[in-house]
C-alpha cells in the first residue's frame, strides 16, 4: 500500500469540512485535483472512504477507522519537521502543553514564567481541559505533554504518565466553618460536616466534580449545590463571595487571603502526573520543560515553598 502525506491531508480536510469543494479551498488545490487524490488514496487502502449520496459527504467505516490514524501521522510529521528545523537553526521550536484548569492556575503558571525566561523564542500553546480530554489529545498527537490527574483518567497503554506531585483536597470557604462553635482554619473536619453546607460545584466532566461527588457519596450524603457549572477561577470567586463552599486542591488556594482553608479528617488526596506519548521521542522543547519542572520541584523542596501537605513524588 502506497499512501502519500498530501493524500492524508486532503482526506482529513474533507473529513473535517464534509465538503470536497471547501476542502480543496482549505488545502489550496482545485477540486478535481483533490478528488483525484482521494480516489488514489481509496485505491491504495482498498476501500471507499466517503459516501457521496445526494450531495452529502459522510465517512464510511473504513474512513472512520483511518481518520484518527491520519491525524496522528500528520501531527507526528509536523512535529518531526519542527524538530529538524530547530536542529538546523531555521526555527526556534514549539511546545504544545496540556493541563487541567486547576493546574493551569497553580503549577503551570510559574513553570511557564521560568520556561519563557530561558527559552523566549519557543512558541507556546496551552490546552486547558479535563484529564480525560487531555489524554485523548495526547494519543492523537495534538499535544507534546500534559499535566493530568491520577488515578481515574483512563490513561491508555500508548501513554506514559509519571507522577510528580501529591496534594490534599481541602475545603475552601469564605469564613471559618462551625460545628457548635468556630473551628480554626487548621482544624480538620469530617467531610460529613458539609452535609448541609451549600456547595459551589464544578462543571460536568471536571475531575474535581467527580472527586467531590465520589467523596460525598462515600461519606453517606448527597451534596447540596448552591451553584454548579464553573471552572476553577469562577468557583473560587463564588466561594470568596460567600455563595458556598468547595472541595479544591490545596495548591490553588495558596496566596488567596479571601479564603479560609480547612483540611479534611479523611485525608483525601490527588496525584498529579506529567504524561506524554510512549511511542514518540520527546521533542527538545518538551525535554526542556521537563528540566524546568525538575528544577522548580527541587527548589520547592529545598525552600519549603509548597503548601502544607503537598508532597513531591
Foldseek 3Di string as FASTA:
>chain_A
DDADLVLLQLLLLCAVVQAQCRSCVVVVHHSVVSVVSQVVVCVVVVHRQWDCPPNGTDGDPVVVVCNLVSLLVVLQVVQVVQLVCCVVVNAQEEAEEEEELLCVLFVVVVLVVVLCVVRVRYHYDYDYDALLVVLVCQVSNNHLKYKYWDDPSPRDPQKDWAWWKKFFWWKKAQDADDDPDGDALEAADAPCSQQPWAAEEAAPPHPQNVVVQVSQVVVPHGGHHLYYHHGDVVRNVCRLVGSTMYTGTPRNCPPPVSIRIHHHPVRHMIIIIMMHGPVDDRRPSRVVSVVSSVVVVVVCVVVVVGPPGMDTD
